[in-house]
């Protein structure tokens, strides 16, 4: 199995933890994994993307243009930025909840939620769109958005891992006191994804 996955979001959304969980799932299966992260200047709100190359030692950790198999977009503008990384037949799960950047809130820029979503839908044939924030809140904490999206991606059949593999990886990567709430978020996301599959 060889797979290239891009995770795109902003600081504070848990993109790096999601990447770590997928890496752990791959390693538990005995697969070779390379990862690369790009982190924006701001800890919260800055651009964050993770690249995972699973199953080959012969490739760079950075996914070249038009080589990614899967995109998990935590935020619309960041997901749109990664479209040129995707193969023509790539699959994507995109959170449609808009996060207005600080500069836009301060009237120093513009954010076009509908345009970003339109561009994504126009360029991704096998796309799934979810408003993950309400599910994360229903699970008990908005910060579980990343786990909701992982759950949805597994349930929809986008990721090359099953639910048990991701749950096992979560147990290794998430602190015990936060595990139950994250398991609930994962379950909610997976159930929603299965309905779309």
N, C-alpha and C. Protein backbone atom coordinates (compact mmCIF):
# COMPACT_ATOMS: atom_id res chain seq x y z
N UNK A 1 0.84 -1.19 0.00
CA UNK A 1 0.00 0.00 0.00
C UNK A 1 0.88 1.24 0.00
N UNK A 2 0.58 2.17 -0.88
CA UNK A 2 1.25 3.47 -0.86
C UNK A 2 0.19 4.55 -0.91
N UNK A 3 0.31 5.55 -0.04
CA UNK A 3 -0.68 6.61 0.01
C UNK A 3 -0.02 7.91 0.44
N UNK A 4 -0.44 9.00 -0.19
CA UNK A 4 0.03 10.34 0.17
C UNK A 4 -1.15 11.15 0.66
N UNK A 5 -1.04 11.66 1.87
CA UNK A 5 -2.15 12.36 2.52
C UNK A 5 -1.72 13.76 2.93
N UNK A 6 -2.56 14.75 2.61
CA UNK A 6 -2.35 16.13 3.05
C UNK A 6 -3.43 16.47 4.07
N UNK A 7 -3.02 17.02 5.19
CA UNK A 7 -3.95 17.54 6.19
C UNK A 7 -3.71 19.04 6.26
N UNK A 8 -4.77 19.83 6.07
CA UNK A 8 -4.61 21.29 6.01
C UNK A 8 -5.57 21.96 6.97
N UNK A 9 -5.05 22.91 7.74
CA UNK A 9 -5.89 23.65 8.68
C UNK A 9 -5.16 24.86 9.19
N UNK A 10 -5.60 25.33 10.35
CA UNK A 10 -4.95 26.47 10.99
C UNK A 10 -4.54 26.06 12.40
N UNK A 11 -3.63 26.84 12.98
CA UNK A 11 -3.14 26.54 14.32
C UNK A 11 -4.27 26.46 15.33
N UNK A 12 -4.19 25.45 16.19
CA UNK A 12 -5.21 25.27 17.21
C UNK A 12 -6.28 24.26 16.84
N UNK A 13 -6.28 23.76 15.59
CA UNK A 13 -7.29 22.80 15.16
C UNK A 13 -6.87 21.34 15.36
N UNK A 14 -5.64 21.11 15.72
CA UNK A 14 -5.20 19.74 15.97
C UNK A 14 -4.76 18.98 14.74
N UNK A 15 -4.30 19.69 13.72
CA UNK A 15 -3.84 19.03 12.50
C UNK A 15 -2.62 18.14 12.77
N UNK A 16 -1.72 18.61 13.63
CA UNK A 16 -0.51 17.83 13.89
C UNK A 16 -0.82 16.55 14.67
N UNK A 17 -1.79 16.62 15.59
CA UNK A 17 -2.19 15.42 16.31
C UNK A 17 -2.83 14.42 15.35
N UNK A 18 -3.66 14.91 14.43
CA UNK A 18 -4.28 14.02 13.43
C UNK A 18 -3.21 13.32 12.61
N UNK A 19 -2.18 14.06 12.21
CA UNK A 19 -1.07 13.50 11.46
C UNK A 19 -0.34 12.44 12.28
N UNK A 20 -0.13 12.72 13.55
CA UNK A 20 0.55 11.78 14.44
C UNK A 20 -0.25 10.49 14.57
N UNK A 21 -1.57 10.60 14.69
CA UNK A 21 -2.43 9.41 14.82
C UNK A 21 -2.37 8.56 13.56
N UNK A 22 -2.42 9.19 12.39
CA UNK A 22 -2.34 8.42 11.14
C UNK A 22 -0.96 7.77 11.00
N UNK A 23 0.08 8.47 11.40
CA UNK A 23 1.43 7.89 11.35
C UNK A 23 1.53 6.67 12.26
N UNK A 24 0.96 6.80 13.44
CA UNK A 24 0.98 5.68 14.40
C UNK A 24 0.21 4.48 13.85
N UNK A 25 -0.94 4.73 13.23
CA UNK A 25 -1.74 3.64 12.65
C UNK A 25 -0.94 2.92 11.56
N UNK A 26 -0.23 3.69 10.74
CA UNK A 26 0.57 3.09 9.68
C UNK A 26 1.72 2.27 10.25
N UNK A 27 2.40 2.81 11.25
CA UNK A 27 3.53 2.10 11.85
C UNK A 27 3.09 0.82 12.55
N UNK A 28 1.92 0.85 13.20
CA UNK A 28 1.40 -0.35 13.86
C UNK A 28 1.13 -1.45 12.83
N UNK A 29 0.85 -1.07 11.59
CA UNK A 29 0.62 -2.04 10.53
C UNK A 29 1.95 -2.48 9.90
N UNK A 30 3.04 -1.86 10.32
CA UNK A 30 4.35 -2.22 9.80
C UNK A 30 4.74 -1.46 8.55
N UNK A 31 4.05 -0.36 8.29
CA UNK A 31 4.33 0.43 7.08
C UNK A 31 5.34 1.53 7.38
N UNK A 32 6.17 1.83 6.40
CA UNK A 32 7.12 2.94 6.51
C UNK A 32 6.37 4.26 6.32
N UNK A 33 6.68 5.26 7.14
CA UNK A 33 5.99 6.55 7.06
C UNK A 33 7.00 7.68 7.08
N UNK A 34 6.80 8.65 6.19
CA UNK A 34 7.54 9.91 6.25
C UNK A 34 6.51 11.02 6.45
N UNK A 35 6.85 11.99 7.28
CA UNK A 35 5.95 13.13 7.49
C UNK A 35 6.71 14.44 7.36
N UNK A 36 5.95 15.47 7.04
CA UNK A 36 6.51 16.82 6.96
C UNK A 36 5.41 17.78 7.39
N UNK A 37 5.77 18.78 8.17
CA UNK A 37 4.80 19.79 8.59
C UNK A 37 5.25 21.18 8.21
N UNK A 38 4.28 22.01 7.85
CA UNK A 38 4.52 23.43 7.62
C UNK A 38 3.65 24.18 8.60
N UNK A 39 4.27 24.96 9.46
CA UNK A 39 3.55 25.64 10.52
C UNK A 39 3.67 27.14 10.33
N UNK A 40 2.52 27.83 10.32
CA UNK A 40 2.49 29.28 10.13
C UNK A 40 3.11 30.03 11.29
N UNK A 41 3.26 31.31 11.12
CA UNK A 41 3.95 32.12 12.13
C UNK A 41 3.17 32.21 13.44
N UNK A 42 1.84 32.20 13.36
CA UNK A 42 1.04 32.30 14.57
C UNK A 42 0.75 30.91 15.12
N UNK A 43 0.86 30.77 16.43
CA UNK A 43 0.56 29.47 17.02
C UNK A 43 -0.90 29.12 16.81
N UNK A 44 -1.78 30.10 17.01
CA UNK A 44 -3.20 29.88 16.76
C UNK A 44 -3.63 30.77 15.60
N UNK A 45 -4.25 30.15 14.61
CA UNK A 45 -4.74 30.92 13.47
C UNK A 45 -3.82 30.90 12.28
N UNK A 46 -2.56 30.53 12.46
CA UNK A 46 -1.62 30.47 11.34
C UNK A 46 -1.83 29.22 10.51
N UNK A 47 -1.39 29.25 9.28
CA UNK A 47 -1.53 28.13 8.36
C UNK A 47 -0.71 26.93 8.84
N UNK A 48 -1.35 25.74 8.84
CA UNK A 48 -0.67 24.51 9.23
C UNK A 48 -1.03 23.42 8.23
N UNK A 49 -0.03 22.74 7.71
CA UNK A 49 -0.31 21.59 6.85
C UNK A 49 0.67 20.47 7.19
N UNK A 50 0.16 19.25 7.08
CA UNK A 50 0.97 18.06 7.30
C UNK A 50 0.93 17.20 6.05
N UNK A 51 2.07 16.64 5.68
CA UNK A 51 2.15 15.71 4.57
C UNK A 51 2.55 14.35 5.13
N UNK A 52 1.84 13.30 4.74
CA UNK A 52 2.18 11.94 5.13
C UNK A 52 2.39 11.12 3.88
N UNK A 53 3.54 10.44 3.80
CA UNK A 53 3.82 9.51 2.70
C UNK A 53 3.92 8.12 3.33
N UNK A 54 2.97 7.29 3.07
CA UNK A 54 2.85 5.99 3.73
C UNK A 54 3.16 4.87 2.76
N UNK A 55 4.10 4.00 3.13
CA UNK A 55 4.32 2.77 2.39
C UNK A 55 5.51 2.75 1.44
N UNK A 56 6.33 3.79 1.41
CA UNK A 56 7.49 3.78 0.53
C UNK A 56 8.65 4.55 1.15
N UNK A 57 9.84 3.97 1.10
CA UNK A 57 11.03 4.66 1.57
C UNK A 57 11.68 5.47 0.45
N UNK A 58 11.14 5.38 -0.74
CA UNK A 58 11.79 5.98 -1.92
C UNK A 58 11.28 7.38 -2.24
N UNK A 59 10.38 7.93 -1.41
CA UNK A 59 9.78 9.21 -1.75
C UNK A 59 10.14 10.28 -0.73
N UNK A 60 10.06 11.51 -1.14
CA UNK A 60 10.30 12.65 -0.27
C UNK A 60 9.15 12.79 0.73
N UNK A 61 9.42 13.34 1.94
CA UNK A 61 8.32 13.56 2.87
C UNK A 61 7.36 14.66 2.41
N UNK A 62 7.83 15.56 1.55
CA UNK A 62 6.97 16.62 1.02
C UNK A 62 6.30 16.11 -0.25
N UNK A 63 4.98 16.19 -0.28
CA UNK A 63 4.22 15.69 -1.43
C UNK A 63 4.34 16.68 -2.58
N UNK A 64 4.83 16.24 -3.72
CA UNK A 64 4.93 17.14 -4.87
C UNK A 64 3.55 17.53 -5.40
N UNK A 65 3.52 18.54 -6.23
CA UNK A 65 2.26 18.94 -6.85
C UNK A 65 1.67 17.77 -7.62
N UNK A 66 0.35 17.63 -7.53
CA UNK A 66 -0.42 16.62 -8.27
C UNK A 66 -0.08 15.18 -7.88
N UNK A 67 0.35 14.95 -6.63
CA UNK A 67 0.70 13.60 -6.19
C UNK A 67 -0.09 13.11 -4.98
N UNK A 68 -0.86 13.96 -4.32
CA UNK A 68 -1.58 13.54 -3.12
C UNK A 68 -2.82 12.74 -3.48
N UNK A 69 -3.04 11.66 -2.73
CA UNK A 69 -4.22 10.82 -2.91
C UNK A 69 -5.42 11.31 -2.11
N UNK A 70 -5.12 11.94 -0.96
CA UNK A 70 -6.17 12.29 0.00
C UNK A 70 -5.89 13.67 0.59
N UNK A 71 -6.96 14.46 0.73
CA UNK A 71 -6.89 15.73 1.44
C UNK A 71 -7.91 15.69 2.57
N UNK A 72 -7.46 16.03 3.78
CA UNK A 72 -8.39 16.26 4.88
C UNK A 72 -8.26 17.74 5.21
N UNK A 73 -9.30 18.50 4.89
CA UNK A 73 -9.28 19.95 5.06
C UNK A 73 -10.03 20.36 6.32
N UNK A 74 -9.30 20.87 7.29
CA UNK A 74 -9.91 21.30 8.55
C UNK A 74 -10.52 22.70 8.42
N UNK A 75 -10.07 23.45 7.42
CA UNK A 75 -10.50 24.84 7.23
C UNK A 75 -10.54 25.14 5.74
N UNK A 76 -11.57 25.86 5.29
CA UNK A 76 -11.82 26.03 3.85
C UNK A 76 -10.68 26.69 3.08
N UNK A 77 -10.20 27.82 3.55
CA UNK A 77 -9.15 28.53 2.80
C UNK A 77 -7.89 27.68 2.72
N UNK A 78 -7.55 26.99 3.81
CA UNK A 78 -6.35 26.15 3.81
C UNK A 78 -6.53 24.92 2.92
N UNK A 79 -7.73 24.38 2.89
CA UNK A 79 -8.01 23.26 1.99
C UNK A 79 -7.86 23.71 0.54
N UNK A 80 -8.39 24.89 0.22
CA UNK A 80 -8.29 25.41 -1.15
C UNK A 80 -6.83 25.62 -1.56
N UNK A 81 -5.99 26.03 -0.60
CA UNK A 81 -4.56 26.23 -0.89
C UNK A 81 -3.85 24.94 -1.30
N UNK A 82 -4.38 23.81 -0.88
CA UNK A 82 -3.71 22.53 -1.13
C UNK A 82 -4.22 21.81 -2.37
N UNK A 83 -5.17 22.36 -3.09
CA UNK A 83 -5.76 21.67 -4.24
C UNK A 83 -4.71 21.27 -5.28
N UNK A 84 -3.72 22.13 -5.49
CA UNK A 84 -2.71 21.81 -6.52
C UNK A 84 -1.81 20.64 -6.12
N UNK A 85 -1.88 20.19 -4.88
CA UNK A 85 -1.12 19.01 -4.45
C UNK A 85 -1.82 17.70 -4.85
N UNK A 86 -3.11 17.78 -5.20
CA UNK A 86 -3.91 16.57 -5.38
C UNK A 86 -3.82 15.99 -6.78
N UNK A 87 -3.88 14.65 -6.83
CA UNK A 87 -4.06 13.95 -8.11
C UNK A 87 -5.46 14.27 -8.65
N UNK A 88 -5.68 14.11 -9.94
CA UNK A 88 -7.02 14.39 -10.49
C UNK A 88 -8.12 13.54 -9.87
N UNK A 89 -7.78 12.32 -9.45
CA UNK A 89 -8.80 11.42 -8.88
C UNK A 89 -8.71 11.34 -7.36
N UNK A 90 -8.10 12.33 -6.73
CA UNK A 90 -7.93 12.32 -5.28
C UNK A 90 -9.28 12.42 -4.56
N UNK A 91 -9.28 11.95 -3.32
CA UNK A 91 -10.46 12.05 -2.45
C UNK A 91 -10.22 13.12 -1.39
N UNK A 92 -11.31 13.72 -0.92
CA UNK A 92 -11.16 14.76 0.10
C UNK A 92 -12.32 14.75 1.07
N UNK A 93 -12.00 15.07 2.31
CA UNK A 93 -13.00 15.38 3.33
C UNK A 93 -12.70 16.81 3.77
N UNK A 94 -13.70 17.68 3.66
CA UNK A 94 -13.47 19.10 3.94
C UNK A 94 -14.50 19.61 4.96
N UNK A 95 -13.99 20.22 6.01
CA UNK A 95 -14.85 20.89 7.00
C UNK A 95 -15.29 22.22 6.42
N UNK A 96 -16.60 22.44 6.32
CA UNK A 96 -17.11 23.65 5.66
C UNK A 96 -17.32 24.81 6.62
N UNK A 97 -17.05 24.61 7.90
CA UNK A 97 -17.17 25.69 8.87
C UNK A 97 -16.10 26.74 8.60
N UNK A 98 -16.50 27.99 8.48
CA UNK A 98 -15.54 29.06 8.16
C UNK A 98 -14.91 29.62 9.44
N UNK A 99 -13.61 29.76 9.40
CA UNK A 99 -12.87 30.38 10.51
C UNK A 99 -12.29 31.68 9.99
N UNK A 100 -12.86 32.78 10.43
CA UNK A 100 -12.44 34.08 9.92
C UNK A 100 -11.10 34.45 10.56
N UNK A 101 -10.07 34.69 9.73
CA UNK A 101 -8.75 35.06 10.27
C UNK A 101 -8.78 36.38 11.02
N UNK A 102 -7.82 36.56 11.92
CA UNK A 102 -7.76 37.77 12.75
C UNK A 102 -7.68 39.02 11.90
N UNK A 103 -6.87 38.99 10.83
CA UNK A 103 -6.73 40.21 10.01
C UNK A 103 -8.05 40.60 9.36
N UNK A 104 -8.89 39.62 9.02
CA UNK A 104 -10.20 39.92 8.43
C UNK A 104 -11.12 40.50 9.50
N UNK A 105 -11.08 39.91 10.69
CA UNK A 105 -11.89 40.43 11.80
C UNK A 105 -11.51 41.88 12.12
N UNK A 106 -10.24 42.23 11.90
CA UNK A 106 -9.77 43.60 12.15
C UNK A 106 -9.93 44.49 10.90
N UNK A 107 -10.65 43.96 9.90
CA UNK A 107 -10.92 44.68 8.64
C UNK A 107 -9.64 45.02 7.87
N UNK A 108 -8.66 44.11 7.92
CA UNK A 108 -7.41 44.31 7.19
C UNK A 108 -7.24 43.28 6.09
N UNK A 109 -8.31 42.62 5.73
CA UNK A 109 -8.25 41.62 4.66
C UNK A 109 -9.64 41.10 4.37
N UNK A 110 -9.74 40.17 3.46
CA UNK A 110 -11.03 39.60 3.07
C UNK A 110 -10.98 38.09 3.15
N UNK A 111 -12.14 37.50 3.41
CA UNK A 111 -12.27 36.05 3.49
C UNK A 111 -13.56 35.68 2.76
N UNK A 112 -13.45 34.87 1.71
CA UNK A 112 -14.59 34.56 0.86
C UNK A 112 -14.97 33.09 0.98
N UNK A 113 -15.71 32.79 2.02
CA UNK A 113 -16.08 31.42 2.37
C UNK A 113 -16.71 30.68 1.19
N UNK A 114 -17.72 31.27 0.58
CA UNK A 114 -18.43 30.60 -0.53
C UNK A 114 -17.53 30.36 -1.72
N UNK A 115 -16.65 31.31 -2.00
CA UNK A 115 -15.73 31.15 -3.14
C UNK A 115 -14.74 30.02 -2.91
N UNK A 116 -14.21 29.91 -1.69
CA UNK A 116 -13.28 28.82 -1.38
C UNK A 116 -13.95 27.47 -1.56
N UNK A 117 -15.20 27.36 -1.06
CA UNK A 117 -15.91 26.10 -1.17
C UNK A 117 -16.22 25.77 -2.63
N UNK A 118 -16.57 26.78 -3.40
CA UNK A 118 -16.85 26.58 -4.82
C UNK A 118 -15.62 26.08 -5.58
N UNK A 119 -14.46 26.66 -5.29
CA UNK A 119 -13.21 26.24 -5.93
C UNK A 119 -12.89 24.80 -5.57
N UNK A 120 -13.06 24.46 -4.31
CA UNK A 120 -12.78 23.09 -3.86
C UNK A 120 -13.69 22.10 -4.58
N UNK A 121 -14.98 22.37 -4.58
CA UNK A 121 -15.94 21.46 -5.21
C UNK A 121 -15.69 21.33 -6.72
N UNK A 122 -15.27 22.41 -7.34
CA UNK A 122 -15.01 22.39 -8.78
C UNK A 122 -13.80 21.52 -9.12
N UNK A 123 -12.84 21.45 -8.21
CA UNK A 123 -11.58 20.77 -8.49
C UNK A 123 -11.44 19.38 -7.88
N UNK A 124 -12.36 18.99 -7.02
CA UNK A 124 -12.28 17.68 -6.38
C UNK A 124 -13.49 16.85 -6.76
N UNK A 125 -13.25 15.77 -7.46
CA UNK A 125 -14.34 14.92 -7.95
C UNK A 125 -14.94 14.10 -6.81
N UNK A 126 -14.09 13.51 -5.98
CA UNK A 126 -14.55 12.62 -4.91
C UNK A 126 -14.45 13.35 -3.57
N UNK A 127 -15.34 14.33 -3.38
CA UNK A 127 -15.29 15.15 -2.18
C UNK A 127 -16.44 14.90 -1.23
N UNK A 128 -16.15 14.97 0.07
CA UNK A 128 -17.15 14.87 1.12
C UNK A 128 -17.08 16.14 1.94
N UNK A 129 -18.24 16.73 2.25
CA UNK A 129 -18.27 18.02 2.92
C UNK A 129 -19.08 17.90 4.20
N UNK A 130 -18.52 18.38 5.29
CA UNK A 130 -19.11 18.19 6.61
C UNK A 130 -18.91 19.44 7.45
N UNK A 131 -19.92 19.81 8.22
CA UNK A 131 -19.76 20.85 9.23
C UNK A 131 -19.42 20.12 10.53
N UNK A 132 -18.14 19.98 10.79
CA UNK A 132 -17.66 19.14 11.89
C UNK A 132 -17.74 19.82 13.26
N UNK A 133 -17.79 21.13 13.29
CA UNK A 133 -17.76 21.83 14.58
C UNK A 133 -18.93 21.47 15.49
N UNK A 134 -20.18 21.45 15.00
CA UNK A 134 -21.28 21.06 15.89
C UNK A 134 -21.13 19.65 16.45
N UNK A 135 -20.56 18.74 15.66
CA UNK A 135 -20.35 17.38 16.15
C UNK A 135 -19.31 17.37 17.27
N UNK A 136 -18.23 18.13 17.08
CA UNK A 136 -17.19 18.21 18.11
C UNK A 136 -17.77 18.78 19.41
N UNK A 137 -18.59 19.80 19.28
CA UNK A 137 -19.23 20.40 20.47
C UNK A 137 -20.16 19.39 21.12
N UNK A 138 -20.92 18.65 20.32
CA UNK A 138 -21.83 17.63 20.86
C UNK A 138 -21.07 16.51 21.56
N UNK A 139 -19.86 16.24 21.08
CA UNK A 139 -19.03 15.21 21.72
C UNK A 139 -18.50 15.69 23.07
N UNK A 140 -18.53 17.00 23.29
CA UNK A 140 -18.12 17.53 24.59
C UNK A 140 -17.05 18.59 24.56
N UNK A 141 -16.42 18.82 23.38
CA UNK A 141 -15.35 19.81 23.32
C UNK A 141 -15.07 20.16 21.85
N UNK A 142 -15.16 21.43 21.52
CA UNK A 142 -14.92 21.88 20.14
C UNK A 142 -13.52 21.50 19.65
N UNK A 143 -12.60 21.29 20.58
CA UNK A 143 -11.22 20.95 20.20
C UNK A 143 -11.08 19.53 19.67
N UNK A 144 -12.16 18.75 19.70
CA UNK A 144 -12.11 17.40 19.13
C UNK A 144 -12.47 17.40 17.65
N UNK A 145 -12.52 18.57 17.04
CA UNK A 145 -12.82 18.69 15.61
C UNK A 145 -11.92 17.78 14.77
N UNK A 146 -10.63 17.74 15.10
CA UNK A 146 -9.69 16.91 14.34
C UNK A 146 -10.09 15.44 14.38
N UNK A 147 -10.55 14.98 15.52
CA UNK A 147 -10.92 13.57 15.67
C UNK A 147 -12.24 13.28 14.97
N UNK A 148 -13.16 14.23 15.00
CA UNK A 148 -14.41 14.08 14.22
C UNK A 148 -14.07 13.89 12.75
N UNK A 149 -13.16 14.70 12.23
CA UNK A 149 -12.79 14.61 10.82
C UNK A 149 -12.07 13.31 10.49
N UNK A 150 -11.23 12.83 11.39
CA UNK A 150 -10.60 11.52 11.18
C UNK A 150 -11.66 10.43 11.16
N UNK A 151 -12.58 10.49 12.11
CA UNK A 151 -13.66 9.51 12.15
C UNK A 151 -14.50 9.52 10.88
N UNK A 152 -14.86 10.71 10.43
CA UNK A 152 -15.63 10.82 9.20
C UNK A 152 -14.87 10.25 8.02
N UNK A 153 -13.59 10.55 7.94
CA UNK A 153 -12.76 10.08 6.83
C UNK A 153 -12.68 8.55 6.80
N UNK A 154 -12.57 7.93 7.97
CA UNK A 154 -12.55 6.47 8.03
C UNK A 154 -13.91 5.91 7.68
N UNK A 155 -14.96 6.48 8.26
CA UNK A 155 -16.32 6.00 8.00
C UNK A 155 -16.71 6.10 6.53
N UNK A 156 -16.26 7.15 5.87
CA UNK A 156 -16.58 7.36 4.45
C UNK A 156 -15.69 6.53 3.53
N UNK A 157 -14.71 5.82 4.10
CA UNK A 157 -13.84 4.97 3.29
C UNK A 157 -12.74 5.71 2.57
N UNK A 158 -12.41 6.91 3.04
CA UNK A 158 -11.38 7.72 2.39
C UNK A 158 -9.98 7.29 2.81
N UNK A 159 -9.81 6.98 4.09
CA UNK A 159 -8.48 6.63 4.60
C UNK A 159 -8.19 5.14 4.44
N UNK A 160 -6.92 4.78 4.31
CA UNK A 160 -6.55 3.36 4.13
C UNK A 160 -6.44 2.60 5.46
N UNK A 161 -7.22 3.03 6.46
CA UNK A 161 -7.22 2.38 7.77
C UNK A 161 -8.65 2.13 8.21
N UNK A 162 -8.84 1.11 9.05
CA UNK A 162 -10.18 0.87 9.58
C UNK A 162 -10.34 1.57 10.93
N UNK A 163 -11.55 1.52 11.45
CA UNK A 163 -11.84 2.24 12.69
C UNK A 163 -11.01 1.72 13.86
N UNK A 164 -10.84 0.43 13.96
CA UNK A 164 -10.09 -0.14 15.08
C UNK A 164 -8.62 0.30 15.04
N UNK A 165 -8.04 0.39 13.85
CA UNK A 165 -6.65 0.84 13.73
C UNK A 165 -6.50 2.28 14.22
N UNK A 166 -7.46 3.14 13.87
CA UNK A 166 -7.37 4.54 14.31
C UNK A 166 -7.61 4.65 15.80
N UNK A 167 -8.59 3.91 16.33
CA UNK A 167 -8.84 3.95 17.78
C UNK A 167 -7.60 3.50 18.56
N UNK A 168 -6.94 2.45 18.08
CA UNK A 168 -5.73 1.96 18.74
C UNK A 168 -4.63 3.02 18.70
N UNK A 169 -4.48 3.69 17.57
CA UNK A 169 -3.48 4.76 17.45
C UNK A 169 -3.81 5.93 18.37
N UNK A 170 -5.10 6.24 18.50
CA UNK A 170 -5.52 7.32 19.39
C UNK A 170 -5.11 7.02 20.83
N UNK A 171 -5.23 5.78 21.24
CA UNK A 171 -4.87 5.40 22.61
C UNK A 171 -3.39 5.63 22.88
N UNK A 172 -2.59 5.54 21.83
CA UNK A 172 -1.15 5.75 21.96
C UNK A 172 -0.78 7.24 21.93
N UNK A 173 -1.60 8.05 21.24
CA UNK A 173 -1.23 9.45 20.98
C UNK A 173 -1.95 10.48 21.84
N UNK A 174 -3.05 10.09 22.48
CA UNK A 174 -3.86 11.05 23.24
C UNK A 174 -3.73 10.75 24.74
N UNK A 175 -3.58 11.80 25.53
CA UNK A 175 -3.46 11.63 26.98
C UNK A 175 -4.69 10.92 27.54
N UNK A 176 -4.49 10.02 28.49
CA UNK A 176 -5.59 9.21 29.02
C UNK A 176 -6.81 10.01 29.48
N UNK A 177 -6.58 11.17 30.12
CA UNK A 177 -7.73 11.92 30.64
C UNK A 177 -8.58 12.54 29.52
N UNK A 178 -8.02 12.63 28.30
CA UNK A 178 -8.76 13.19 27.17
C UNK A 178 -9.26 12.13 26.21
N UNK A 179 -8.97 10.87 26.51
CA UNK A 179 -9.24 9.80 25.55
C UNK A 179 -10.73 9.55 25.34
N UNK A 180 -11.51 9.51 26.40
CA UNK A 180 -12.93 9.16 26.27
C UNK A 180 -13.69 10.18 25.43
N UNK A 181 -13.45 11.45 25.65
CA UNK A 181 -14.14 12.48 24.89
C UNK A 181 -13.74 12.41 23.41
N UNK A 182 -12.48 12.06 23.15
CA UNK A 182 -12.02 11.92 21.77
C UNK A 182 -12.59 10.66 21.12
N UNK A 183 -12.76 9.60 21.89
CA UNK A 183 -13.40 8.40 21.35
C UNK A 183 -14.84 8.69 20.95
N UNK A 184 -15.52 9.50 21.75
CA UNK A 184 -16.90 9.87 21.42
C UNK A 184 -16.93 10.70 20.14
N UNK A 185 -15.99 11.64 20.00
CA UNK A 185 -15.92 12.46 18.79
C UNK A 185 -15.63 11.59 17.57
N UNK A 186 -14.74 10.63 17.73
CA UNK A 186 -14.40 9.73 16.62
C UNK A 186 -15.62 8.92 16.20
N UNK A 187 -16.35 8.40 17.17
CA UNK A 187 -17.54 7.60 16.89
C UNK A 187 -18.59 8.42 16.14
N UNK A 188 -18.81 9.64 16.57
CA UNK A 188 -19.79 10.51 15.90
C UNK A 188 -19.37 10.79 14.46
N UNK A 189 -18.09 11.09 14.26
CA UNK A 189 -17.60 11.34 12.92
C UNK A 189 -17.71 10.11 12.04
N UNK A 190 -17.33 8.95 12.58
CA UNK A 190 -17.39 7.70 11.81
C UNK A 190 -18.81 7.35 11.39
N UNK A 191 -19.76 7.55 12.30
CA UNK A 191 -21.16 7.28 11.97
C UNK A 191 -21.65 8.19 10.86
N UNK A 192 -21.28 9.46 10.92
CA UNK A 192 -21.66 10.39 9.85
C UNK A 192 -21.01 10.01 8.53
N UNK A 193 -19.75 9.57 8.58
CA UNK A 193 -19.05 9.16 7.37
C UNK A 193 -19.65 7.92 6.74
N UNK A 194 -20.06 6.95 7.57
CA UNK A 194 -20.66 5.72 7.05
C UNK A 194 -21.95 6.02 6.30
N UNK A 195 -22.68 7.03 6.73
CA UNK A 195 -23.92 7.41 6.05
C UNK A 195 -23.66 7.98 4.66
N UNK A 196 -22.44 8.49 4.45
CA UNK A 196 -22.07 9.08 3.16
C UNK A 196 -21.40 8.07 2.23
N UNK A 197 -20.96 6.94 2.79
CA UNK A 197 -20.16 5.96 2.05
C UNK A 197 -21.03 5.19 1.04
